[in-house]
Amino acid sequence: MAFNFELIPFELKSVGEGLDVYVYYHNYFLGYINPKLFESGVIGRVCGFMFEPSYQGWFLSTNFFLVSKFLEKKWYLFIFQLIVLLGALASVSTMSWVVFVIVFASMLGFKIMSILGLKEKSANILYGLMLIAGIFAMFTVVNQDKLLEMLGPSSSEDRTERADTSFLYLATASPKELVLGRGPGFIGKNSDKGESNPIIKSLVENGIVSTIVVLIFVVYCTYRSKYYMIANLLWLNSVVVLFTPLFIINVLVCRWMDESTEENLV
């Protein structure tokens, strides 16, 4: 609001060096704003101090589902959740909106299954199958170009091309390369556009074994916080956060909170 309504002055600043230079608006107290061009004008996307709107969107949208664990059922929980929700949406990251829609729909779905008398384990299995079917349908049935046009300008526009290149690397890999990967940094050295899907990137560079181990680690740390886990797994199909310290610390904090809850119950 401070940027879009010109309530506080921002100045243009270049971030990065070489070919990776981005021009952001900056305020010493509010951090960085990434201007996003729409047909009706420019809207500022909140980066904060993460220099990337999608990172800001990932961090806040996933942690929205952990706020209740920190504050339990305090009277001001709703206020904190609202602040985090609006912060995530202010990143104007397409994936933030997608994650909230899918996770809130999941909450409704689990509620309906509970009313119907379905046990939690059965509900989880059914949900997992429905989610896999939905993702498969999105990539095979839904017209990707029309979907991107409906969602507006997005960095997703060239992700299909990146994925095609990465799948080509997988298709031409030897059995050893499929299992152990082609080595860290392979995609960056051999592809102009890189890869924005960290799961596909990990399959190419680290192999099937390492990727499965990492995903097991993520699920193990977050499975007790179901909606937080779903949000993170969705984000892992969009933003390369998998091996960043912030991602690892975040899932470990989720695990530590579960362990402390168990100790209190004992």
Protein backbone atom coordinates (compact mmCIF):
# COMPACT_ATOMS: atom_id res chain seq x y z
CA MET A 1 0.00 0.00 0.00
CA ALA A 2 2.88 2.36 0.85
CA PHE A 3 4.29 1.87 -2.65
CA ASN A 4 1.13 1.55 -4.74
CA PHE A 5 -0.52 4.61 -3.17
CA GLU A 6 2.76 6.57 -3.03
CA LEU A 7 2.44 7.09 0.73
CA ILE A 8 6.17 6.70 1.35
CA PRO A 9 9.04 7.48 -1.06
CA PHE A 10 10.85 4.57 -2.74
CA GLU A 11 13.95 4.82 -4.91
CA LEU A 12 15.05 2.62 -7.79
CA LYS A 13 17.98 0.33 -7.00
CA SER A 14 19.81 -2.35 -8.94
CA VAL A 15 20.20 -5.69 -7.19
CA GLY A 16 22.74 -8.27 -8.37
CA GLU A 17 25.60 -8.14 -10.82
CA GLY A 18 26.51 -9.23 -14.33
CA LEU A 19 23.57 -10.70 -16.25
CA ASP A 20 21.54 -11.22 -13.06
CA VAL A 21 20.67 -7.59 -12.36
CA TYR A 22 17.15 -6.70 -11.23
CA VAL A 23 15.78 -3.19 -10.81
CA TYR A 24 13.67 -2.90 -7.66
CA TYR A 25 12.13 -0.06 -5.69
CA HIS A 26 13.65 0.25 -2.24
CA ASN A 27 12.78 1.77 1.12
CA TYR A 28 15.12 1.36 4.11
CA PHE A 29 12.30 0.34 6.45
CA LEU A 30 9.98 -1.60 4.13
CA GLY A 31 12.54 -3.35 1.97
CA TYR A 32 12.25 -4.07 -1.74
CA ILE A 33 9.32 -3.86 -4.14
CA ASN A 34 9.32 -5.67 -7.48
CA PRO A 35 7.18 -3.80 -10.05
CA LYS A 36 4.83 -6.12 -11.98
CA LEU A 37 3.35 -4.82 -15.22
CA PHE A 38 -0.36 -5.34 -15.88
CA GLU A 39 -2.50 -3.90 -18.67
CA SER A 40 -4.03 -1.44 -16.19
CA GLY A 41 -0.64 -0.30 -14.85
CA VAL A 42 2.16 -1.29 -12.50
CA ILE A 43 1.58 -3.02 -9.15
CA GLY A 44 4.31 -3.39 -6.58
CA ARG A 45 5.08 -6.97 -5.51
CA VAL A 46 6.42 -7.19 -1.96
CA CYS A 47 9.88 -8.74 -1.72
CA GLY A 48 10.70 -7.49 1.77
CA PHE A 49 14.36 -8.36 2.21
CA MET A 50 14.28 -11.65 0.28
CA PHE A 51 14.82 -9.95 -3.12
CA GLU A 52 12.30 -12.29 -4.77
CA PRO A 53 8.46 -12.06 -4.51
CA SER A 54 7.99 -15.81 -4.87
CA TYR A 55 10.34 -16.49 -1.92
CA GLN A 56 8.35 -14.02 0.16
CA GLY A 57 5.13 -15.70 -0.99
CA TRP A 58 6.47 -19.17 -0.15
CA PHE A 59 7.71 -18.19 3.32
CA LEU A 60 4.53 -16.43 4.42
CA SER A 61 1.94 -18.70 2.77
CA THR A 62 3.44 -21.87 4.26
CA ASN A 63 4.01 -20.35 7.70
CA PHE A 64 0.40 -19.16 7.73
CA PHE A 65 -0.41 -22.76 8.63
CA LEU A 66 2.12 -22.78 11.51
CA VAL A 67 0.99 -19.57 13.22
CA SER A 68 -1.69 -21.44 15.17
CA LYS A 69 0.98 -23.79 16.59
CA PHE A 70 2.94 -20.83 17.98
CA LEU A 71 -0.07 -19.00 19.41
CA GLU A 72 -2.33 -22.00 20.07
CA LYS A 73 -5.86 -20.59 20.53
CA LYS A 74 -5.12 -17.09 21.78
CA TRP A 75 -7.74 -14.45 21.12
CA TYR A 76 -5.38 -12.54 18.82
CA LEU A 77 -4.51 -15.60 16.66
CA PHE A 78 -6.89 -14.40 13.92
CA ILE A 79 -5.12 -11.01 13.74
CA PHE A 80 -1.71 -12.64 13.26
CA GLN A 81 -3.07 -15.05 10.65
CA LEU A 82 -4.68 -12.16 8.76
CA ILE A 83 -1.37 -10.22 8.74
CA VAL A 84 0.54 -13.24 7.41
CA LEU A 85 -2.18 -13.97 4.83
CA LEU A 86 -2.19 -10.41 3.49
CA GLY A 87 1.62 -10.38 3.48
CA ALA A 88 1.69 -13.53 1.35
CA LEU A 89 -0.92 -12.17 -1.07
CA ALA A 90 0.98 -8.86 -1.29
CA SER A 91 3.82 -10.71 -2.99
CA VAL A 92 1.39 -11.01 -5.94
CA SER A 93 2.90 -14.45 -6.55
CA THR A 94 0.59 -16.64 -8.64
CA MET A 95 1.67 -19.68 -6.64
CA SER A 96 0.63 -18.03 -3.36
CA TRP A 97 -2.92 -17.70 -4.60
CA VAL A 98 -2.89 -21.25 -5.99
CA VAL A 99 -1.56 -22.69 -2.71
CA PHE A 100 -4.16 -20.93 -0.58
CA VAL A 101 -7.01 -22.02 -2.89
CA ILE A 102 -5.87 -25.66 -2.91
CA VAL A 103 -5.11 -25.87 0.83
CA PHE A 104 -8.35 -24.13 1.87
CA ALA A 105 -10.23 -26.46 -0.49
CA SER A 106 -8.36 -29.36 1.16
CA MET A 107 -9.53 -28.19 4.58
CA LEU A 108 -13.11 -28.18 3.32
CA GLY A 109 -12.63 -31.61 1.75
CA PHE A 110 -11.24 -33.13 4.95
CA LYS A 111 -14.11 -31.56 6.91
CA ILE A 112 -16.68 -33.13 4.57
CA MET A 113 -14.93 -36.53 4.78
CA SER A 114 -14.94 -36.25 8.57
CA ILE A 115 -18.69 -35.50 8.59
CA LEU A 116 -19.22 -38.53 6.36
CA GLY A 117 -17.46 -40.64 8.98
CA LEU A 118 -14.28 -41.37 7.02
CA LYS A 119 -11.31 -42.17 9.27
CA GLU A 120 -8.30 -39.85 9.14
CA LYS A 121 -5.98 -42.44 7.56
CA SER A 122 -8.50 -43.28 4.85
CA ALA A 123 -9.16 -39.57 4.27
CA ASN A 124 -5.42 -38.92 3.84
CA ILE A 125 -5.07 -41.75 1.29
CA LEU A 126 -8.14 -40.57 -0.63
CA TYR A 127 -6.89 -36.97 -0.61
CA GLY A 128 -3.46 -38.05 -1.84
CA LEU A 129 -4.99 -39.93 -4.77
CA MET A 130 -7.23 -36.97 -5.62
CA LEU A 131 -4.27 -34.55 -5.50
CA ILE A 132 -2.16 -36.76 -7.77
CA ALA A 133 -5.09 -37.09 -10.19
CA GLY A 134 -5.60 -33.31 -10.11
CA ILE A 135 -1.93 -32.57 -10.86
CA PHE A 136 -1.95 -35.15 -13.67
CA ALA A 137 -5.09 -33.57 -15.15
CA MET A 138 -3.54 -30.09 -14.94
CA PHE A 139 -0.55 -31.16 -17.02
CA THR A 140 -2.41 -33.37 -19.50
CA VAL A 141 -5.97 -32.05 -19.89
CA VAL A 142 -5.89 -28.34 -18.98
CA ASN A 143 -4.76 -25.94 -21.71
CA GLN A 144 -1.60 -24.47 -20.17
CA ASP A 145 -1.56 -21.37 -22.42
CA LYS A 146 -5.17 -20.44 -21.54
CA LEU A 147 -4.47 -21.05 -17.84
CA LEU A 148 -1.44 -18.74 -17.88
CA GLU A 149 -3.39 -16.11 -19.83
CA MET A 150 -6.16 -16.24 -17.22
CA LEU A 151 -3.70 -15.92 -14.32
CA GLY A 152 -2.00 -12.91 -15.90
CA PRO A 153 1.70 -12.15 -16.48
CA SER A 154 3.86 -14.70 -14.71
CA SER A 155 7.32 -16.20 -14.75
CA SER A 156 5.47 -19.47 -15.37
CA GLU A 157 5.27 -18.60 -19.05
CA ASP A 158 8.56 -20.34 -19.91
CA ARG A 159 8.46 -23.07 -17.25
CA THR A 160 7.00 -25.62 -19.67
CA GLU A 161 10.03 -25.09 -21.93
CA ARG A 162 12.37 -25.49 -18.94
CA ALA A 163 10.60 -28.69 -17.88
CA ASP A 164 10.79 -30.08 -21.44
CA THR A 165 14.56 -29.52 -21.44
CA SER A 166 14.93 -31.15 -18.01
CA PHE A 167 12.81 -34.15 -19.05
CA LEU A 168 15.05 -34.50 -22.10
CA TYR A 169 18.06 -34.72 -19.76
CA LEU A 170 16.24 -37.44 -17.82
CA ALA A 171 15.25 -39.32 -20.97
CA THR A 172 18.83 -39.35 -22.28
CA ALA A 173 20.44 -40.20 -18.95
CA SER A 174 22.27 -43.46 -18.39
CA PRO A 175 21.02 -45.82 -15.64
CA LYS A 176 23.82 -44.55 -13.37
CA GLU A 177 22.87 -40.91 -14.05
CA LEU A 178 19.20 -41.66 -13.34
CA VAL A 179 20.06 -43.18 -9.98
CA LEU A 180 22.88 -40.84 -8.88
CA GLY A 181 22.21 -37.76 -11.01
CA ARG A 182 24.36 -35.77 -13.41
CA GLY A 183 25.93 -33.66 -10.67
CA PRO A 184 25.09 -30.35 -8.93
CA GLY A 185 24.94 -27.38 -11.29
CA PHE A 186 24.46 -29.49 -14.42
CA ILE A 187 21.29 -27.70 -15.57
CA GLY A 188 22.79 -24.25 -14.98
CA LYS A 189 25.82 -25.13 -17.10
CA ASN A 190 23.89 -26.75 -19.96
CA SER A 191 20.61 -24.80 -20.10
CA ASP A 192 20.08 -21.10 -20.78
CA LYS A 193 16.92 -20.86 -18.66
CA GLY A 194 17.71 -23.24 -15.81
CA GLU A 195 14.95 -25.10 -13.98
CA SER A 196 12.33 -23.60 -11.63
CA ASN A 197 10.93 -26.91 -10.37
CA PRO A 198 13.24 -28.11 -7.56
CA ILE A 199 11.95 -31.70 -7.67
CA ILE A 200 12.73 -32.05 -11.38
CA LYS A 201 16.03 -30.21 -10.85
CA SER A 202 16.95 -32.62 -8.06
CA LEU A 203 16.05 -35.65 -10.20
CA VAL A 204 18.37 -34.46 -12.97
CA GLU A 205 21.28 -33.31 -10.81
CA ASN A 206 21.08 -35.54 -7.72
CA GLY A 207 19.30 -38.61 -9.04
CA ILE A 208 16.28 -40.63 -7.94
CA VAL A 209 17.80 -41.93 -4.68
CA SER A 210 18.78 -38.52 -3.26
CA THR A 211 15.50 -36.91 -4.37
CA ILE A 212 13.40 -39.60 -2.67
CA VAL A 213 15.48 -39.31 0.53
CA VAL A 214 15.04 -35.51 0.57
CA LEU A 215 11.27 -35.74 0.00
CA ILE A 216 10.99 -38.35 2.77
CA PHE A 217 12.85 -35.91 5.05
CA VAL A 218 10.44 -33.08 4.18
CA VAL A 219 7.38 -35.28 4.76
CA TYR A 220 8.83 -36.70 8.00
CA CYS A 221 9.40 -33.21 9.40
CA THR A 222 6.00 -31.86 8.41
CA TYR A 223 3.47 -34.71 8.26
CA ARG A 224 1.96 -33.81 11.65
CA SER A 225 1.22 -30.32 10.31
CA LYS A 226 -0.85 -31.57 7.38
CA TYR A 227 -1.74 -28.29 5.71
CA TYR A 228 1.77 -26.88 6.17
CA MET A 229 3.11 -30.03 4.49
CA ILE A 230 0.66 -29.75 1.57
CA ALA A 231 1.57 -26.08 1.07
CA ASN A 232 5.31 -26.86 1.01
CA LEU A 233 4.95 -29.78 -1.39
CA LEU A 234 2.92 -27.56 -3.73
CA TRP A 235 5.58 -24.85 -3.59
CA LEU A 236 8.26 -27.41 -4.45
CA ASN A 237 6.68 -27.58 -7.91
CA SER A 238 7.20 -23.87 -8.46
CA VAL A 239 10.09 -22.21 -6.62
CA VAL A 240 13.65 -23.44 -6.09
CA VAL A 241 13.75 -23.32 -2.29
CA LEU A 242 14.46 -26.99 -1.56
CA PHE A 243 18.14 -26.74 -0.60
CA THR A 244 18.15 -23.22 0.84
CA PRO A 245 18.97 -22.88 4.57
CA LEU A 246 15.69 -21.04 5.19
CA PHE A 247 13.64 -23.95 3.82
CA ILE A 248 15.58 -26.55 5.84
CA ILE A 249 15.35 -24.50 9.06
CA ASN A 250 11.64 -23.94 8.46
CA VAL A 251 10.75 -27.64 8.17
CA LEU A 252 13.01 -28.46 11.15
CA VAL A 253 11.21 -25.84 13.26
CA CYS A 254 7.94 -27.54 12.32
CA ARG A 255 9.38 -30.86 13.50
CA TRP A 256 10.76 -29.39 16.75
CA MET A 257 7.38 -27.88 17.53
CA ASP A 258 5.74 -31.28 17.10
CA GLU A 259 8.31 -32.92 19.37
CA SER A 260 7.83 -30.27 22.07
CA THR A 261 4.06 -30.78 21.85
CA GLU A 262 4.52 -34.53 22.34
CA GLU A 263 6.75 -33.91 25.39
CA ASN A 264 4.13 -31.63 26.93
CA LEU A 265 1.45 -34.27 26.41
CA VAL A 266 3.65 -36.89 28.12
